[in-house]
N, C-alpha and C. Protein backbone atom coordinates (compact mmCIF):
# COMPACT_ATOMS: atom_id res chain seq x y z
N MET A 1 126.32 342.83 -17.47
CA MET A 1 126.61 343.87 -16.50
C MET A 1 127.92 343.52 -15.80
N ASP A 2 128.74 344.51 -15.63
CA ASP A 2 130.04 344.32 -14.99
C ASP A 2 129.97 344.91 -13.58
N ILE A 3 130.39 344.13 -12.59
CA ILE A 3 130.35 344.58 -11.19
C ILE A 3 131.76 344.57 -10.63
N SER A 4 132.14 345.69 -10.01
CA SER A 4 133.44 345.79 -9.35
C SER A 4 133.21 345.77 -7.84
N LEU A 5 133.93 344.91 -7.15
CA LEU A 5 133.79 344.78 -5.70
C LEU A 5 135.09 345.17 -5.01
N SER A 6 134.97 345.66 -3.80
CA SER A 6 136.15 345.92 -2.99
C SER A 6 136.76 344.57 -2.62
N PRO A 7 138.05 344.55 -2.26
CA PRO A 7 138.66 343.28 -1.85
C PRO A 7 137.91 342.60 -0.71
N GLU A 8 137.39 343.39 0.23
CA GLU A 8 136.64 342.82 1.36
C GLU A 8 135.38 342.11 0.89
N LEU A 9 134.63 342.78 -0.02
CA LEU A 9 133.41 342.16 -0.52
C LEU A 9 133.72 340.95 -1.39
N GLU A 10 134.78 341.04 -2.15
CA GLU A 10 135.18 339.91 -2.98
C GLU A 10 135.49 338.68 -2.11
N GLN A 11 136.19 338.93 -1.01
CA GLN A 11 136.53 337.84 -0.08
C GLN A 11 135.25 337.27 0.55
N PHE A 12 134.31 338.16 0.90
CA PHE A 12 133.05 337.71 1.48
C PHE A 12 132.28 336.83 0.48
N VAL A 13 132.20 337.29 -0.76
CA VAL A 13 131.51 336.53 -1.80
C VAL A 13 132.16 335.16 -1.97
N ASP A 14 133.49 335.15 -2.03
CA ASP A 14 134.21 333.87 -2.17
C ASP A 14 133.90 332.94 -1.00
N SER A 15 133.84 333.51 0.22
CA SER A 15 133.57 332.67 1.39
C SER A 15 132.16 332.09 1.34
N GLN A 16 131.20 332.87 0.86
CA GLN A 16 129.83 332.38 0.77
C GLN A 16 129.70 331.29 -0.29
N LEU A 17 130.40 331.46 -1.40
CA LEU A 17 130.38 330.45 -2.46
C LEU A 17 131.09 329.18 -2.00
N SER A 18 132.22 329.34 -1.31
CA SER A 18 132.98 328.18 -0.82
C SER A 18 132.19 327.39 0.23
N ALA A 19 131.41 328.12 1.03
CA ALA A 19 130.62 327.47 2.08
C ALA A 19 129.38 326.78 1.49
N GLY A 20 129.12 327.00 0.22
CA GLY A 20 127.99 326.36 -0.41
C GLY A 20 126.67 327.06 -0.18
N ARG A 21 126.70 328.27 0.33
CA ARG A 21 125.46 329.00 0.58
C ARG A 21 124.81 329.44 -0.73
N TYR A 22 125.62 329.61 -1.74
CA TYR A 22 125.14 329.99 -3.07
C TYR A 22 125.83 329.13 -4.10
N THR A 23 125.12 328.85 -5.18
CA THR A 23 125.69 328.00 -6.22
C THR A 23 126.47 328.80 -7.25
N SER A 24 126.25 330.12 -7.28
CA SER A 24 126.97 330.95 -8.24
C SER A 24 127.01 332.39 -7.76
N PHE A 25 127.89 333.15 -8.36
CA PHE A 25 128.01 334.58 -8.09
C PHE A 25 126.69 335.26 -8.42
N ASN A 26 126.09 334.90 -9.55
CA ASN A 26 124.83 335.52 -9.97
C ASN A 26 123.72 335.25 -8.96
N ALA A 27 123.67 334.05 -8.39
CA ALA A 27 122.65 333.72 -7.40
C ALA A 27 122.84 334.57 -6.14
N LEU A 28 124.09 334.75 -5.72
CA LEU A 28 124.37 335.56 -4.54
C LEU A 28 123.97 337.01 -4.78
N ILE A 29 124.36 337.58 -5.92
CA ILE A 29 124.04 338.98 -6.23
C ILE A 29 122.52 339.16 -6.35
N SER A 30 121.85 338.21 -6.98
CA SER A 30 120.40 338.28 -7.12
C SER A 30 119.73 338.29 -5.74
N ASP A 31 120.18 337.40 -4.85
CA ASP A 31 119.63 337.34 -3.50
C ASP A 31 119.90 338.64 -2.75
N ALA A 32 121.12 339.15 -2.87
CA ALA A 32 121.49 340.39 -2.19
C ALA A 32 120.62 341.55 -2.67
N LEU A 33 120.39 341.61 -3.97
CA LEU A 33 119.56 342.70 -4.50
C LEU A 33 118.10 342.55 -4.08
N GLN A 34 117.60 341.33 -3.99
CA GLN A 34 116.24 341.12 -3.51
C GLN A 34 116.10 341.59 -2.06
N MET A 35 117.08 341.28 -1.21
CA MET A 35 117.05 341.72 0.19
C MET A 35 117.14 343.24 0.26
N PHE A 36 117.98 343.83 -0.59
CA PHE A 36 118.11 345.29 -0.62
C PHE A 36 116.79 345.93 -1.05
N LYS A 37 116.14 345.36 -2.04
CA LYS A 37 114.86 345.86 -2.52
C LYS A 37 113.82 345.84 -1.40
N ILE A 38 113.76 344.74 -0.67
CA ILE A 38 112.81 344.64 0.44
C ILE A 38 113.11 345.71 1.49
N GLN A 39 114.38 345.90 1.80
CA GLN A 39 114.78 346.89 2.80
C GLN A 39 114.39 348.30 2.35
N VAL A 40 114.61 348.60 1.08
CA VAL A 40 114.30 349.93 0.56
C VAL A 40 112.79 350.16 0.54
N LEU A 41 112.03 349.16 0.15
CA LEU A 41 110.58 349.32 0.02
C LEU A 41 109.84 349.21 1.34
N MET A 42 110.46 348.58 2.34
CA MET A 42 109.81 348.39 3.64
C MET A 42 109.73 349.73 4.36
N PRO A 43 108.55 350.06 4.89
CA PRO A 43 108.44 351.33 5.61
C PRO A 43 109.34 351.32 6.85
N GLN A 44 109.94 352.46 7.11
CA GLN A 44 110.82 352.59 8.27
C GLN A 44 109.98 352.74 9.53
N PRO A 45 110.39 352.09 10.61
CA PRO A 45 109.61 352.20 11.85
C PRO A 45 109.62 353.64 12.37
N LYS A 46 108.50 354.02 12.90
CA LYS A 46 108.36 355.36 13.45
C LYS A 46 108.89 355.35 14.88
N PRO A 47 109.23 356.53 15.42
CA PRO A 47 109.78 356.58 16.79
C PRO A 47 108.88 355.90 17.82
N LEU A 48 107.57 356.04 17.69
CA LEU A 48 106.67 355.40 18.65
C LEU A 48 106.76 353.89 18.52
N ASP A 49 106.85 353.39 17.29
CA ASP A 49 107.00 351.95 17.09
C ASP A 49 108.26 351.44 17.79
N ALA A 50 109.34 352.21 17.68
CA ALA A 50 110.61 351.81 18.30
C ALA A 50 110.48 351.81 19.83
N ALA A 51 109.79 352.81 20.37
CA ALA A 51 109.61 352.88 21.83
C ALA A 51 108.75 351.72 22.32
N ILE A 52 107.72 351.39 21.56
CA ILE A 52 106.87 350.25 21.94
C ILE A 52 107.66 348.96 21.88
N GLN A 53 108.50 348.82 20.85
CA GLN A 53 109.30 347.60 20.73
C GLN A 53 110.27 347.48 21.90
N LEU A 54 110.89 348.59 22.32
CA LEU A 54 111.78 348.57 23.49
C LEU A 54 111.03 348.11 24.74
N ALA A 55 109.82 348.61 24.90
CA ALA A 55 109.01 348.22 26.06
C ALA A 55 108.68 346.73 26.01
N LEU A 56 108.31 346.24 24.82
CA LEU A 56 108.00 344.82 24.69
C LEU A 56 109.22 343.96 24.95
N ASP A 57 110.38 344.43 24.49
CA ASP A 57 111.63 343.70 24.76
C ASP A 57 111.90 343.64 26.25
N ASP A 58 111.64 344.75 26.96
CA ASP A 58 111.84 344.76 28.41
C ASP A 58 110.92 343.75 29.09
N VAL A 59 109.67 343.69 28.65
CA VAL A 59 108.71 342.74 29.23
C VAL A 59 109.20 341.31 29.00
N LYS A 60 109.61 341.01 27.77
CA LYS A 60 110.09 339.66 27.46
C LYS A 60 111.31 339.29 28.31
N ALA A 61 112.16 340.29 28.60
CA ALA A 61 113.38 340.04 29.36
C ALA A 61 113.14 340.07 30.87
N GLY A 62 111.91 340.37 31.27
CA GLY A 62 111.60 340.38 32.70
C GLY A 62 112.01 341.65 33.41
N ARG A 63 112.30 342.70 32.64
CA ARG A 63 112.68 343.98 33.25
C ARG A 63 111.40 344.79 33.51
N LEU A 64 110.76 344.46 34.62
CA LEU A 64 109.49 345.08 34.97
C LEU A 64 109.55 345.65 36.38
N PHE A 65 108.69 346.61 36.64
CA PHE A 65 108.53 347.17 37.98
C PHE A 65 107.09 346.97 38.40
N SER A 66 106.89 346.65 39.65
CA SER A 66 105.53 346.50 40.16
C SER A 66 104.91 347.90 40.28
N PRO A 67 103.57 347.97 40.32
CA PRO A 67 102.94 349.28 40.50
C PRO A 67 103.40 349.97 41.78
N GLU A 68 103.62 349.17 42.84
CA GLU A 68 104.08 349.75 44.11
C GLU A 68 105.45 350.41 43.95
N GLU A 69 106.35 349.74 43.20
CA GLU A 69 107.68 350.31 42.98
C GLU A 69 107.60 351.61 42.17
N VAL A 70 106.72 351.62 41.18
CA VAL A 70 106.57 352.82 40.35
C VAL A 70 106.04 353.98 41.18
N PHE A 71 104.99 353.73 41.96
CA PHE A 71 104.41 354.79 42.77
C PHE A 71 105.38 355.27 43.85
N ALA A 72 106.15 354.38 44.44
CA ALA A 72 107.13 354.78 45.45
C ALA A 72 108.20 355.67 44.83
N SER A 73 108.64 355.32 43.64
CA SER A 73 109.64 356.13 42.94
C SER A 73 109.08 357.50 42.59
N LEU A 74 107.85 357.55 42.11
CA LEU A 74 107.23 358.83 41.78
C LEU A 74 107.05 359.70 43.02
N LYS A 75 106.64 359.07 44.11
CA LYS A 75 106.45 359.82 45.36
C LYS A 75 107.78 360.40 45.83
N GLN A 76 108.84 359.62 45.74
CA GLN A 76 110.17 360.08 46.14
C GLN A 76 110.60 361.27 45.28
N LYS A 77 110.36 361.18 43.99
CA LYS A 77 110.72 362.29 43.09
C LYS A 77 109.89 363.53 43.38
N GLN A 78 108.60 363.33 43.68
CA GLN A 78 107.74 364.45 44.00
C GLN A 78 108.21 365.14 45.29
N GLU A 79 108.54 364.34 46.29
CA GLU A 79 109.01 364.92 47.56
C GLU A 79 110.31 365.68 47.36
N ALA A 80 111.21 365.17 46.56
CA ALA A 80 112.47 365.86 46.29
C ALA A 80 112.21 367.16 45.55
N TRP A 81 111.27 367.13 44.60
CA TRP A 81 110.95 368.33 43.85
C TRP A 81 110.32 369.38 44.76
N LEU A 82 109.40 368.95 45.63
CA LEU A 82 108.75 369.88 46.56
C LEU A 82 109.76 370.46 47.55
N ALA A 83 110.71 369.64 48.00
CA ALA A 83 111.71 370.11 48.98
C ALA A 83 112.65 371.13 48.33
N ASN A 84 112.91 370.99 47.04
CA ASN A 84 113.84 371.89 46.36
C ASN A 84 113.14 373.02 45.63
N ARG A 85 111.83 373.07 45.69
CA ARG A 85 111.07 374.11 44.99
C ARG A 85 111.45 375.48 45.54
N GLY A 86 111.68 376.39 44.62
CA GLY A 86 112.02 377.75 45.04
C GLY A 86 113.49 377.93 45.32
N GLN A 87 114.28 376.86 45.24
CA GLN A 87 115.72 376.99 45.44
C GLN A 87 116.41 376.97 44.08
N PRO A 88 117.48 377.78 43.93
CA PRO A 88 118.18 377.80 42.64
C PRO A 88 118.90 376.50 42.33
């Protein structure tokens, strides 16, 4: 099989071989295709999964609000909505 690479990819392949990450061009291409296969076959995360992951990331990073802060913010929004109700 004959493979043509862009100059950028050729340079990347050369750098990976020079760094000793792969012993041959064939080993690098085989590994790349295995990773591509996994990516293609792996189910894509659903929007809810992504939202849950964002929430978990926030928890891990300490970006949390206490229940009191949440309720105070909701009350403030409710009061603003009630004050502006009926106004254009």
